Amino acid sequence: MAKIIDRLLLFVYSLSIGILSVLVILLLSGQVPFTMDYRNEQNVYIIIVIIAVVLFLLSIRFFYVSIRTERGSMHSVHQRTEFGDVQISLDTIENMTLKVAERTKGVRDLKTRVRVVESGLEIVIRAVVDGETPIPGLSESMQKSIHTEVEEITGIPVSSVSVYIANIVHSPAFKSRVQ
């Protein structure tokens, strides 16, 4: 929630500074008619234009930061132990998940995605199955084994394991040759 508020504040800040910078640039360049007492002083004019341009460039940068999507915002899970900190990368957890899921009979092609939420890890498995093993039993077995082993090995609670069966393996049809 705090990240959303911070991003919203950064968005409003950058938008307002950007508008003010463009307005100051237009006023000082003479594009918008406005009389100023110190306009004749060349040094003050140059300094104000430089400051306005810098603020405008900064506001463009902040605006970009506020609207971009955070892909892979958390690359590891941090745990504190009595001896120090432990960090486990999400790639490690994904590979561990794949290793555990590959042991399930009837599974052919696997892809996984791990997200960190407040209640623990959310694991999503995409699988292609052989079509011979009952899918409800296969997916339940995969969920249980992944949940148990990932929690046991990493010490991080797993909040959910979702299995998405994408397809079944297509076996090539062999035509018998008659001679």
Protein backbone atom coordinates (compact mmCIF):
# COMPACT_ATOMS: atom_id res chain seq x y z
CA MET A 1 0.00 0.00 0.00
CA ALA A 2 2.84 2.38 0.81
CA LYS A 3 4.40 1.83 -2.61
CA ILE A 4 1.16 2.83 -4.30
CA ILE A 5 0.91 6.03 -2.25
CA ASP A 6 4.60 6.83 -2.88
CA ARG A 7 4.17 6.31 -6.60
CA LEU A 8 1.04 8.46 -6.63
CA LEU A 9 2.83 11.26 -4.77
CA LEU A 10 5.79 11.02 -7.13
CA PHE A 11 3.42 11.17 -10.10
CA VAL A 12 1.66 14.29 -8.77
CA TYR A 13 4.99 15.92 -7.88
CA SER A 14 6.57 15.28 -11.26
CA LEU A 15 3.48 16.41 -13.13
CA SER A 16 3.22 19.67 -11.16
CA ILE A 17 6.96 20.43 -11.43
CA GLY A 18 6.81 19.67 -15.15
CA ILE A 19 3.90 22.05 -15.69
CA LEU A 20 5.60 24.77 -13.63
CA SER A 21 8.87 24.30 -15.52
CA VAL A 22 7.17 24.58 -18.92
CA LEU A 23 5.29 27.68 -17.72
CA VAL A 24 8.49 29.34 -16.48
CA ILE A 25 10.30 28.49 -19.74
CA LEU A 26 7.45 29.98 -21.80
CA LEU A 27 7.30 33.12 -19.61
CA LEU A 28 11.03 33.77 -19.73
CA SER A 29 11.38 33.07 -23.45
CA GLY A 30 8.70 35.62 -24.29
CA GLN A 31 6.23 33.12 -25.75
CA VAL A 32 3.63 34.14 -23.15
CA PRO A 33 3.34 37.91 -22.73
CA PHE A 34 4.19 38.87 -19.17
CA THR A 35 6.19 41.81 -17.91
CA MET A 36 8.85 41.27 -15.30
CA ASP A 37 11.02 43.90 -13.65
CA TYR A 38 14.23 41.89 -13.67
CA ARG A 39 13.96 40.56 -17.22
CA ASN A 40 16.63 42.96 -18.41
CA GLU A 41 19.20 41.46 -16.14
CA GLN A 42 20.85 38.86 -18.39
CA ASN A 43 22.55 36.75 -15.67
CA VAL A 44 19.36 36.21 -13.67
CA TYR A 45 17.50 35.30 -16.84
CA ILE A 46 20.07 32.65 -17.84
CA ILE A 47 20.17 31.13 -14.35
CA ILE A 48 16.38 30.89 -14.15
CA VAL A 49 16.17 29.25 -17.60
CA ILE A 50 18.85 26.71 -16.65
CA ILE A 51 17.08 25.87 -13.39
CA ALA A 52 13.76 25.51 -15.21
CA VAL A 53 15.27 23.20 -17.82
CA VAL A 54 16.93 21.04 -15.15
CA LEU A 55 13.68 20.82 -13.19
CA PHE A 56 11.82 19.90 -16.35
CA LEU A 57 14.30 17.11 -17.16
CA LEU A 58 14.07 15.81 -13.60
CA SER A 59 10.29 15.84 -13.77
CA ILE A 60 10.38 13.78 -16.98
CA ARG A 61 12.55 11.22 -15.21
CA PHE A 62 10.30 11.11 -12.14
CA PHE A 63 7.20 10.88 -14.33
CA TYR A 64 8.70 7.86 -16.12
CA VAL A 65 9.52 6.20 -12.79
CA SER A 66 5.99 6.78 -11.51
CA ILE A 67 4.22 5.16 -14.47
CA ARG A 68 6.52 2.27 -15.35
CA THR A 69 5.55 -1.19 -14.23
CA GLU A 70 7.74 -2.88 -11.68
CA ARG A 71 8.72 -6.10 -13.29
CA GLY A 72 10.52 -8.38 -10.90
CA SER A 73 10.38 -5.95 -8.06
CA MET A 74 11.56 -8.48 -5.51
CA HIS A 75 14.33 -10.79 -6.71
CA SER A 76 14.91 -12.57 -3.43
CA VAL A 77 13.36 -13.52 -0.13
CA HIS A 78 15.07 -12.17 2.98
CA GLN A 79 15.08 -14.04 6.26
CA ARG A 80 16.67 -13.04 9.52
CA THR A 81 18.20 -15.73 11.71
CA GLU A 82 20.04 -15.51 14.99
CA PHE A 83 23.34 -15.68 13.08
CA GLY A 84 22.54 -13.12 10.38
CA ASP A 85 20.58 -12.61 7.18
CA VAL A 86 19.71 -15.25 4.60
CA GLN A 87 18.64 -14.32 1.08
CA ILE A 88 17.16 -16.87 -1.32
CA SER A 89 16.65 -15.74 -4.89
CA LEU A 90 13.32 -16.33 -6.56
CA ASP A 91 15.18 -18.10 -9.37
CA THR A 92 16.41 -20.63 -6.81
CA ILE A 93 12.88 -21.23 -5.56
CA GLU A 94 11.57 -21.53 -9.14
CA ASN A 95 14.24 -24.08 -10.02
CA MET A 96 13.53 -26.00 -6.82
CA THR A 97 9.84 -26.00 -7.72
CA LEU A 98 10.61 -27.33 -11.20
CA LYS A 99 12.83 -30.05 -9.74
CA VAL A 100 10.09 -31.20 -7.36
CA ALA A 101 7.35 -31.01 -10.02
CA GLU A 102 9.40 -33.04 -12.53
CA ARG A 103 9.24 -36.01 -10.14
CA THR A 104 5.47 -36.18 -10.61
CA LYS A 105 4.51 -39.04 -12.92
CA GLY A 106 2.72 -37.96 -16.10
CA VAL A 107 4.16 -34.43 -16.31
CA ARG A 108 6.11 -33.48 -19.42
CA ASP A 109 6.76 -29.76 -19.87
CA LEU A 110 6.87 -27.36 -16.91
CA LYS A 111 7.13 -23.64 -16.34
CA THR A 112 6.88 -21.92 -12.99
CA ARG A 113 6.45 -18.47 -11.51
CA VAL A 114 6.98 -17.53 -7.87
CA ARG A 115 5.66 -14.38 -6.22
CA VAL A 116 6.26 -13.15 -2.72
CA VAL A 117 3.16 -11.99 -0.82
CA GLU A 118 2.62 -11.16 2.83
CA SER A 119 1.36 -14.65 3.66
CA GLY A 120 4.33 -16.40 2.00
CA LEU A 121 5.08 -17.65 -1.48
CA GLU A 122 2.56 -17.97 -4.28
CA ILE A 123 3.70 -20.59 -6.77
CA VAL A 124 2.09 -21.02 -10.18
CA ILE A 125 2.96 -24.10 -12.26
CA ARG A 126 2.13 -24.43 -15.94
CA ALA A 127 2.32 -28.04 -17.09
CA VAL A 128 1.84 -30.19 -20.13
CA VAL A 129 0.74 -33.70 -19.17
CA ASP A 130 0.83 -37.05 -20.91
CA GLY A 131 -2.96 -37.47 -21.01
CA GLU A 132 -2.86 -40.94 -19.48
CA THR A 133 -2.68 -39.96 -15.80
CA PRO A 134 -5.86 -38.55 -14.20
CA ILE A 135 -5.40 -34.78 -14.07
CA PRO A 136 -7.04 -34.11 -10.64
CA GLY A 137 -4.81 -36.67 -8.91
CA LEU A 138 -1.73 -35.52 -10.80
CA SER A 139 -2.25 -31.84 -9.95
CA GLU A 140 -3.07 -32.56 -6.29
CA SER A 141 0.03 -34.72 -5.95
CA MET A 142 2.15 -31.99 -7.55
CA GLN A 143 0.67 -29.32 -5.26
CA LYS A 144 1.29 -31.33 -2.10
CA SER A 145 4.87 -32.27 -2.98
CA ILE A 146 5.79 -28.71 -4.03
CA HIS A 147 4.16 -27.18 -0.95
CA THR A 148 5.86 -29.60 1.44
CA GLU A 149 9.35 -29.61 -0.07
CA VAL A 150 9.66 -25.89 -0.76
CA GLU A 151 8.55 -25.06 2.80
CA GLU A 152 10.86 -27.69 4.26
CA ILE A 153 13.94 -26.74 2.24
CA THR A 154 13.63 -22.94 2.29
CA GLY A 155 11.83 -22.43 5.60
CA ILE A 156 9.51 -19.96 3.88
CA PRO A 157 5.76 -20.55 4.19
CA VAL A 158 4.01 -21.37 0.92
CA SER A 159 0.58 -19.73 0.82
CA SER A 160 -0.63 -21.36 -2.41
CA VAL A 161 0.43 -23.64 -5.23
CA SER A 162 -1.68 -23.21 -8.36
CA VAL A 163 -1.45 -25.73 -11.19
CA TYR A 164 -2.45 -24.81 -14.72
CA ILE A 165 -2.67 -27.74 -17.13
CA ALA A 166 -1.94 -26.12 -20.49
CA ASN A 167 -2.17 -29.13 -22.78
CA ILE A 168 -1.50 -32.80 -23.24
CA VAL A 169 1.44 -34.24 -25.14
CA HIS A 170 0.61 -35.11 -28.71
CA SER A 171 2.16 -38.41 -29.63
CA PRO A 172 3.07 -38.79 -33.27
CA ALA A 173 0.86 -41.23 -35.10
CA PHE A 174 2.90 -43.97 -36.70
CA LYS A 175 1.40 -45.68 -39.65
CA SER A 176 2.20 -49.33 -39.91
CA ARG A 177 3.78 -50.34 -43.16
CA VAL A 178 2.26 -53.28 -44.88
CA GLN A 179 4.54 -55.18 -47.15
